Amino acid sequence: MLTRRQVNTGLMVGALAGAPGFAAAQAGKTISLPAPRTEGGVSLRAALQKRQSIREFADRPLPPPLLSDLLWAAYGINRPASGDRTAPSWRHAAVIDIYVAMADGVWLYAPKEHELRLHVAGDLRVQTGMQDFVGKAPVDLVYVAQGDEMGSVGEEERRLWATADTAFIGQNVYLLAAAEGLATVFRASVPRTQLAASLGLAAQQFITAAQTVGYPRS
């Protein structure tokens, strides 16, 4: 069974070769994201004032600098010396991965390198939720927990703490979206079994939630 660390070193290529949609993926393809902006912008209080859930999205894609800022704010590394993240995590384990579903494929966010790695080619956005807008918005974030890295705690506790960690990440996305004039909504209605199969997730990986991000529809 693969751990996240093995996936990040490229071993997922062999393990997922038979997974749905993986045959079309270009193994090893990555997108190096621009350096995130870590200074400036609106105040925290202003972002909190503007924070809201929006469910109507334009089909306009996010430019790379904004996508970079979004993913760094969500769960990027803010202390390079230690590798610590912008959101807290259960027992400092950092077991949540972010899969980024866009029109050109599903990409795995690698915080250490601040890059996207192609996981599955093809547009799977419509599979990330029950709502009509998920297939049209430019970005659907899928939060996946690495259960095998949570030690000996039981299944119920794993899901509890993984969901809590996901909520921290989701709030970071909300605040960045508010600061940048984006629309976002955190979603629990996800076809988990179908989506997990399409993503080729291992048995100990489980989807906690999803979050749609894009420009608001005018």
C-alpha atoms as a PDB file:
ATOM      1  CA  MET A   1       0.000   0.000   0.000  1.00  0.00           C
ATOM      2  CA  LEU A   2       1.414   3.345  -1.014  1.00  0.00           C
ATOM      3  CA  THR A   3       1.935   6.171   1.426  1.00  0.00           C
ATOM      4  CA  ARG A   4       1.767   9.813   0.438  1.00  0.00           C
ATOM      5  CA  ARG A   5       5.541  10.046   0.577  1.00  0.00           C
ATOM      6  CA  GLN A   6       5.842   7.224  -1.949  1.00  0.00           C
ATOM      7  CA  VAL A   7       3.331   8.922  -4.187  1.00  0.00           C
ATOM      8  CA  ASN A   8       5.333  12.126  -4.010  1.00  0.00           C
ATOM      9  CA  THR A   9       8.462  10.296  -5.106  1.00  0.00           C
ATOM     10  CA  GLY A  10       6.750   9.060  -8.250  1.00  0.00           C
ATOM     11  CA  LEU A  11       5.875   5.467  -7.316  1.00  0.00           C
ATOM     12  CA  MET A  12       2.207   6.105  -7.986  1.00  0.00           C
ATOM     13  CA  VAL A  13       2.873   5.721 -11.719  1.00  0.00           C
ATOM     14  CA  GLY A  14       3.226   1.961 -11.448  1.00  0.00           C
ATOM     15  CA  ALA A  15       0.557   1.497  -8.790  1.00  0.00           C
ATOM     16  CA  LEU A  16      -2.114   3.465 -10.658  1.00  0.00           C
ATOM     17  CA  ALA A  17      -1.372   2.229 -14.148  1.00  0.00           C
ATOM     18  CA  GLY A  18      -4.676   0.357 -14.237  1.00  0.00           C
ATOM     19  CA  ALA A  19      -6.752   3.019 -12.530  1.00  0.00           C
ATOM     20  CA  PRO A  20      -9.670   4.577 -14.438  1.00  0.00           C
ATOM     21  CA  GLY A  21      -8.475   7.491 -16.542  1.00  0.00           C
ATOM     22  CA  PHE A  22      -4.819   6.975 -15.704  1.00  0.00           C
ATOM     23  CA  ALA A  23      -3.867   5.574 -19.099  1.00  0.00           C
ATOM     24  CA  ALA A  24      -4.441   9.002 -20.612  1.00  0.00           C
ATOM     25  CA  ALA A  25      -2.326  10.788 -18.027  1.00  0.00           C
ATOM     26  CA  GLN A  26       1.092  12.058 -19.017  1.00  0.00           C
ATOM     27  CA  ALA A  27       3.205  10.507 -16.270  1.00  0.00           C
ATOM     28  CA  GLY A  28       5.637  12.937 -14.733  1.00  0.00           C
ATOM     29  CA  LYS A  29       4.026  16.077 -16.132  1.00  0.00           C
ATOM     30  CA  THR A  30       4.235  18.957 -13.674  1.00  0.00           C
ATOM     31  CA  ILE A  31       3.320  22.634 -13.507  1.00  0.00           C
ATOM     32  CA  SER A  32       5.725  24.823 -11.569  1.00  0.00           C
ATOM     33  CA  LEU A  33       3.602  27.477  -9.896  1.00  0.00           C
ATOM     34  CA  PRO A  34       4.773  31.093  -9.593  1.00  0.00           C
ATOM     35  CA  ALA A  35       6.044  32.102  -6.174  1.00  0.00           C
ATOM     36  CA  PRO A  36       3.046  32.959  -3.981  1.00  0.00           C
ATOM     37  CA  ARG A  37       2.507  36.500  -2.811  1.00  0.00           C
ATOM     38  CA  THR A  38       3.032  36.484   0.938  1.00  0.00           C
ATOM     39  CA  GLU A  39       2.753  40.213   1.629  1.00  0.00           C
ATOM     40  CA  GLY A  40       0.202  42.928   0.964  1.00  0.00           C
ATOM     41  CA  GLY A  41      -3.466  42.519   0.180  1.00  0.00           C
ATOM     42  CA  VAL A  42      -6.476  43.313   2.325  1.00  0.00           C
ATOM     43  CA  SER A  43      -6.464  43.029   6.092  1.00  0.00           C
ATOM     44  CA  LEU A  44      -7.643  39.908   7.884  1.00  0.00           C
ATOM     45  CA  ARG A  45     -10.612  41.828   9.260  1.00  0.00           C
ATOM     46  CA  ALA A  46     -11.616  42.953   5.773  1.00  0.00           C
ATOM     47  CA  ALA A  47     -11.393  39.380   4.486  1.00  0.00           C
ATOM     48  CA  LEU A  48     -13.523  38.119   7.377  1.00  0.00           C
ATOM     49  CA  GLN A  49     -16.098  40.795   6.625  1.00  0.00           C
ATOM     50  CA  LYS A  50     -16.304  39.681   2.985  1.00  0.00           C
ATOM     51  CA  ARG A  51     -16.194  35.907   3.581  1.00  0.00           C
ATOM     52  CA  GLN A  52     -19.228  34.100   2.183  1.00  0.00           C
ATOM     53  CA  SER A  53     -20.318  31.027   0.244  1.00  0.00           C
ATOM     54  CA  ILE A  54     -21.108  31.680  -3.417  1.00  0.00           C
ATOM     55  CA  ARG A  55     -22.526  29.018  -5.712  1.00  0.00           C
ATOM     56  CA  GLU A  56     -22.592  30.798  -9.066  1.00  0.00           C
ATOM     57  CA  PHE A  57     -19.362  30.821 -11.040  1.00  0.00           C
ATOM     58  CA  ALA A  58     -18.085  32.261 -14.294  1.00  0.00           C
ATOM     59  CA  ASP A  59     -16.255  29.801 -16.548  1.00  0.00           C
ATOM     60  CA  ARG A  60     -13.204  32.098 -16.651  1.00  0.00           C
ATOM     61  CA  PRO A  61     -10.035  30.207 -15.609  1.00  0.00           C
ATOM     62  CA  LEU A  62      -7.857  31.376 -12.745  1.00  0.00           C
ATOM     63  CA  PRO A  63      -4.527  32.818 -13.902  1.00  0.00           C
ATOM     64  CA  PRO A  64      -1.426  30.962 -12.652  1.00  0.00           C
ATOM     65  CA  PRO A  65      -0.374  33.624 -10.085  1.00  0.00           C
ATOM     66  CA  LEU A  66      -3.820  33.539  -8.487  1.00  0.00           C
ATOM     67  CA  LEU A  67      -3.958  29.729  -8.508  1.00  0.00           C
ATOM     68  CA  SER A  68      -0.529  29.770  -6.872  1.00  0.00           C
ATOM     69  CA  ASP A  69      -1.711  32.131  -4.143  1.00  0.00           C
ATOM     70  CA  LEU A  70      -4.842  30.024  -3.611  1.00  0.00           C
ATOM     71  CA  LEU A  71      -2.999  26.737  -3.099  1.00  0.00           C
ATOM     72  CA  TRP A  72      -0.311  28.287  -0.915  1.00  0.00           C
ATOM     73  CA  ALA A  73      -2.964  29.935   1.265  1.00  0.00           C
ATOM     74  CA  ALA A  74      -4.846  26.640   1.470  1.00  0.00           C
ATOM     75  CA  TYR A  75      -2.040  24.393   2.663  1.00  0.00           C
ATOM     76  CA  GLY A  76       1.290  25.683   1.466  1.00  0.00           C
ATOM     77  CA  ILE A  77       4.527  25.932   3.400  1.00  0.00           C
ATOM     78  CA  ASN A  78       4.854  29.183   5.337  1.00  0.00           C
ATOM     79  CA  ARG A  79       7.961  28.237   7.349  1.00  0.00           C
ATOM     80  CA  PRO A  80      10.494  26.750   4.935  1.00  0.00           C
ATOM     81  CA  ALA A  81      13.012  25.840   7.636  1.00  0.00           C
ATOM     82  CA  SER A  82      10.582  23.426   9.270  1.00  0.00           C
ATOM     83  CA  GLY A  83       8.252  22.691   6.349  1.00  0.00           C
ATOM     84  CA  ASP A  84       5.230  23.740   8.407  1.00  0.00           C
ATOM     85  CA  ARG A  85       2.005  24.717   6.693  1.00  0.00           C
ATOM     86  CA  THR A  86      -0.460  27.604   6.558  1.00  0.00           C
ATOM     87  CA  ALA A  87      -3.074  25.432   8.316  1.00  0.00           C
ATOM     88  CA  PRO A  88      -2.687  23.355  11.501  1.00  0.00           C
ATOM     89  CA  SER A  89      -2.938  19.576  11.404  1.00  0.00           C
ATOM     90  CA  TRP A  90      -3.782  16.709  13.736  1.00  0.00           C
ATOM     91  CA  ARG A  91      -0.668  15.623  15.640  1.00  0.00           C
ATOM     92  CA  HIS A  92       1.387  17.639  13.164  1.00  0.00           C
ATOM     93  CA  ALA A  93       0.908  14.798  10.687  1.00  0.00           C
ATOM     94  CA  ALA A  94      -0.208  16.795   7.604  1.00  0.00           C
ATOM     95  CA  VAL A  95      -2.271  13.919   6.211  1.00  0.00           C
ATOM     96  CA  ILE A  96      -4.459  15.949   3.815  1.00  0.00           C
ATOM     97  CA  ASP A  97      -3.638  16.116   0.105  1.00  0.00           C
ATOM     98  CA  ILE A  98      -5.272  18.574  -2.263  1.00  0.00           C
ATOM     99  CA  TYR A  99      -6.307  17.321  -5.689  1.00  0.00           C
ATOM    100  CA  VAL A 100      -7.063  20.163  -8.093  1.00  0.00           C
ATOM    101  CA  ALA A 101      -9.687  19.287 -10.709  1.00  0.00           C
ATOM    102  CA  MET A 102      -9.574  21.577 -13.740  1.00  0.00           C
ATOM    103  CA  ALA A 103     -10.572  21.324 -17.396  1.00  0.00           C
ATOM    104  CA  ASP A 104      -7.225  19.788 -18.364  1.00  0.00           C
ATOM    105  CA  GLY A 105      -7.043  17.121 -15.673  1.00  0.00           C
ATOM    106  CA  VAL A 106      -6.769  16.434 -11.968  1.00  0.00           C
ATOM    107  CA  TRP A 107      -3.517  17.634 -10.438  1.00  0.00           C
ATOM    108  CA  LEU A 108      -1.960  16.823  -7.075  1.00  0.00           C
ATOM    109  CA  TYR A 109      -0.611  19.853  -5.218  1.00  0.00           C
ATOM    110  CA  ALA A 110       2.939  19.300  -3.896  1.00  0.00           C
ATOM    111  CA  PRO A 111       3.476  21.958  -1.191  1.00  0.00           C
ATOM    112  CA  LYS A 112       7.216  21.418  -0.734  1.00  0.00           C
ATOM    113  CA  GLU A 113       7.970  22.081  -4.405  1.00  0.00           C
ATOM    114  CA  HIS A 114       4.937  24.357  -4.813  1.00  0.00           C
ATOM    115  CA  GLU A 115       3.954  22.624  -8.007  1.00  0.00           C
ATOM    116  CA  LEU A 116       1.106  20.656  -9.541  1.00  0.00           C
ATOM    117  CA  ARG A 117       1.615  17.051 -10.656  1.00  0.00           C
ATOM    118  CA  LEU A 118      -0.727  15.529 -13.178  1.00  0.00           C
ATOM    119  CA  HIS A 119      -2.658  12.718 -11.534  1.00  0.00           C
ATOM    120  CA  VAL A 120      -5.438  11.925 -14.018  1.00  0.00           C
ATOM    121  CA  ALA A 121      -5.848  13.433 -17.475  1.00  0.00           C
ATOM    122  CA  GLY A 122      -9.268  14.548 -18.617  1.00  0.00           C
ATOM    123  CA  ASP A 123     -11.980  16.750 -17.187  1.00  0.00           C
ATOM    124  CA  LEU A 124     -13.412  15.138 -14.039  1.00  0.00           C
ATOM    125  CA  ARG A 125     -14.883  18.279 -12.511  1.00  0.00           C
ATOM    126  CA  VAL A 126     -18.454  17.077 -12.897  1.00  0.00           C
ATOM    127  CA  GLN A 127     -17.604  14.049 -10.719  1.00  0.00           C
ATOM    128  CA  THR A 128     -16.534  16.176  -7.757  1.00  0.00           C
ATOM    129  CA  GLY A 129     -20.027  16.979  -6.497  1.00  0.00           C
ATOM    130  CA  MET A 130     -23.779  16.743  -6.831  1.00  0.00           C
ATOM    131  CA  GLN A 131     -24.363  20.372  -7.839  1.00  0.00           C
ATOM    132  CA  ASP A 132     -24.572  21.586 -11.441  1.00  0.00           C
ATOM    133  CA  PHE A 133     -21.921  24.266 -11.005  1.00  0.00           C
ATOM    134  CA  VAL A 134     -19.079  21.865 -10.169  1.00  0.00           C
ATOM    135  CA  GLY A 135     -18.615  20.879 -13.819  1.00  0.00           C
ATOM    136  CA  LYS A 136     -18.423  24.484 -15.025  1.00  0.00           C
ATOM    137  CA  ALA A 137     -16.402  26.345 -12.384  1.00  0.00           C
ATOM    138  CA  PRO A 138     -12.676  26.519 -13.206  1.00  0.00           C
ATOM    139  CA  VAL A 139     -11.371  24.793 -10.056  1.00  0.00           C
ATOM    140  CA  ASP A 140     -12.720  22.062  -7.795  1.00  0.00           C
ATOM    141  CA  LEU A 141     -10.464  21.209  -4.870  1.00  0.00           C
ATOM    142  CA  VAL A 142     -10.822  17.652  -3.584  1.00  0.00           C
ATOM    143  CA  TYR A 143      -9.468  17.024  -0.087  1.00  0.00           C
ATOM    144  CA  VAL A 144      -8.118  13.515   0.446  1.00  0.00           C
ATOM    145  CA  ALA A 145      -6.842  12.080   3.738  1.00  0.00           C
ATOM    146  CA  GLN A 146      -3.994   9.598   3.957  1.00  0.00           C
ATOM    147  CA  GLY A 147      -5.500   7.278   6.549  1.00  0.00           C
ATOM    148  CA  ASP A 148      -2.458   5.007   6.617  1.00  0.00           C
ATOM    149  CA  GLU A 149      -0.401   7.882   8.030  1.00  0.00           C
ATOM    150  CA  MET A 150      -2.687   8.433  11.027  1.00  0.00           C
ATOM    151  CA  GLY A 151      -1.230   5.714  13.195  1.00  0.00           C
ATOM    152  CA  SER A 152      -3.256   3.307  15.304  1.00  0.00           C
ATOM    153  CA  VAL A 153      -6.351   5.469  15.898  1.00  0.00           C
ATOM    154  CA  GLY A 154      -9.678   3.943  14.895  1.00  0.00           C
ATOM    155  CA  GLU A 155     -11.635   4.645  11.745  1.00  0.00           C
ATOM    156  CA  GLU A 156     -14.044   7.027  13.452  1.00  0.00           C
ATOM    157  CA  GLU A 157     -11.236   9.106  14.936  1.00  0.00           C
ATOM    158  CA  ARG A 158      -9.395   9.166  11.630  1.00  0.00           C
ATOM    159  CA  ARG A 159     -12.381  10.634   9.871  1.00  0.00           C
ATOM    160  CA  LEU A 160     -13.060  13.099  12.690  1.00  0.00           C
ATOM    161  CA  TRP A 161      -9.557  14.562  12.767  1.00  0.00           C
ATOM    162  CA  ALA A 162      -9.085  14.469   9.015  1.00  0.00           C
ATOM    163  CA  THR A 163     -12.335  16.388   8.609  1.00  0.00           C
ATOM    164  CA  ALA A 164     -11.185  18.954  11.170  1.00  0.00           C
ATOM    165  CA  ASP A 165      -7.907  19.433   9.291  1.00  0.00           C
ATOM    166  CA  THR A 166      -9.827  19.833   6.044  1.00  0.00           C
ATOM    167  CA  ALA A 167     -12.006  22.514   7.615  1.00  0.00           C
ATOM    168  CA  PHE A 168      -8.915  24.551   8.545  1.00  0.00           C
ATOM    169  CA  ILE A 169      -7.745  24.372   4.939  1.00  0.00           C
ATOM    170  CA  GLY A 170     -11.196  25.257   3.639  1.00  0.00           C
ATOM    171  CA  GLN A 171     -11.327  28.375   5.791  1.00  0.00           C
ATOM    172  CA  ASN A 172      -7.961  29.492   4.426  1.00  0.00           C
ATOM    173  CA  VAL A 173      -9.432  29.146   0.932  1.00  0.00           C
ATOM    174  CA  TYR A 174     -12.461  31.179   1.979  1.00  0.00           C
ATOM    175  CA  LEU A 175     -10.288  34.007   3.289  1.00  0.00           C
ATOM    176  CA  LEU A 176      -8.063  34.110   0.211  1.00  0.00           C
ATOM    177  CA  ALA A 177     -11.152  34.086  -2.002  1.00  0.00           C
ATOM    178  CA  ALA A 178     -12.664  36.963  -0.042  1.00  0.00           C
ATOM    179  CA  ALA A 179      -9.433  38.935  -0.280  1.00  0.00           C
ATOM    180  CA  GLU A 180      -9.162  38.389  -4.047  1.00  0.00           C
ATOM    181  CA  GLY A 181     -12.825  38.835  -4.998  1.00  0.00           C
ATOM    182  CA  LEU A 182     -13.312  35.152  -5.843  1.00  0.00           C
ATOM    183  CA  ALA A 183     -16.321  32.926  -5.263  1.00  0.00           C
ATOM    184  CA  THR A 184     -16.045  29.695  -3.296  1.00  0.00           C
ATOM    185  CA  VAL A 185     -18.185  27.148  -1.509  1.00  0.00           C
ATOM    186  CA  PHE A 186     -17.143  24.239   0.733  1.00  0.00           C
ATOM    187  CA  ARG A 187     -19.020  21.045  -0.119  1.00  0.00           C
ATOM    188  CA  ALA A 188     -19.791  17.837   1.720  1.00  0.00           C
ATOM    189  CA  SER A 189     -22.055  16.439  -1.019  1.00  0.00           C
ATOM    190  CA  VAL A 190     -19.454  14.458  -2.925  1.00  0.00           C
ATOM    191  CA  PRO A 191     -19.935  11.103  -4.720  1.00  0.00           C
ATOM    192  CA  ARG A 192     -17.028   9.656  -2.765  1.00  0.00           C
ATOM    193  CA  THR A 193     -17.053   6.087  -4.028  1.00  0.00           C
ATOM    194  CA  GLN A 194     -17.242   7.041  -7.688  1.00  0.00           C
ATOM    195  CA  LEU A 195     -14.722   9.859  -7.375  1.00  0.00           C
ATOM    196  CA  ALA A 196     -12.264   7.729  -5.400  1.00  0.00           C
ATOM    197  CA  ALA A 197     -12.398   5.120  -8.167  1.00  0.00           C
ATOM    198  CA  SER A 198     -11.853   7.732 -10.881  1.00  0.00           C
ATOM    199  CA  LEU A 199      -8.881   9.117  -8.962  1.00  0.00           C
ATOM    200  CA  GLY A 200      -7.460   5.652  -8.346  1.00  0.00           C
ATOM    201  CA  LEU A 201      -7.225   6.218  -4.604  1.00  0.00           C
ATOM    202  CA  ALA A 202      -5.717   3.520  -2.404  1.00  0.00           C
ATOM    203  CA  ALA A 203      -7.873   1.693   0.152  1.00  0.00           C
ATOM    204  CA  GLN A 204      -6.608   3.782   3.083  1.00  0.00           C
ATOM    205  CA  GLN A 205      -7.180   7.101   1.304  1.00  0.00           C
ATOM    206  CA  PHE A 206     -10.546   8.744   1.793  1.00  0.00           C
ATOM    207  CA  ILE A 207     -12.203  11.916   0.516  1.00  0.00           C
ATOM    208  CA  THR A 208     -13.225  14.310   3.276  1.00  0.00           C
ATOM    209  CA  ALA A 209     -14.791  17.181   1.305  1.00  0.00           C
ATOM    210  CA  ALA A 210     -14.475  19.330  -1.796  1.00  0.00           C
ATOM    211  CA  GLN A 211     -14.433  23.055  -2.463  1.00  0.00           C
ATOM    212  CA  THR A 212     -15.231  24.946  -5.649  1.00  0.00           C
ATOM    213  CA  VAL A 213     -13.371  28.163  -6.499  1.00  0.00           C
ATOM    214  CA  GLY A 214     -13.642  30.640  -9.336  1.00  0.00           C
ATOM    215  CA  TYR A 215     -14.731  34.090 -10.344  1.00  0.00           C
ATOM    216  CA  PRO A 216     -18.293  34.979  -9.365  1.00  0.00           C
ATOM    217  CA  ARG A 217     -20.808  35.003 -12.182  1.00  0.00           C
ATOM    218  CA  SER A 218     -21.842  38.569 -12.885  1.00  0.00           C
END
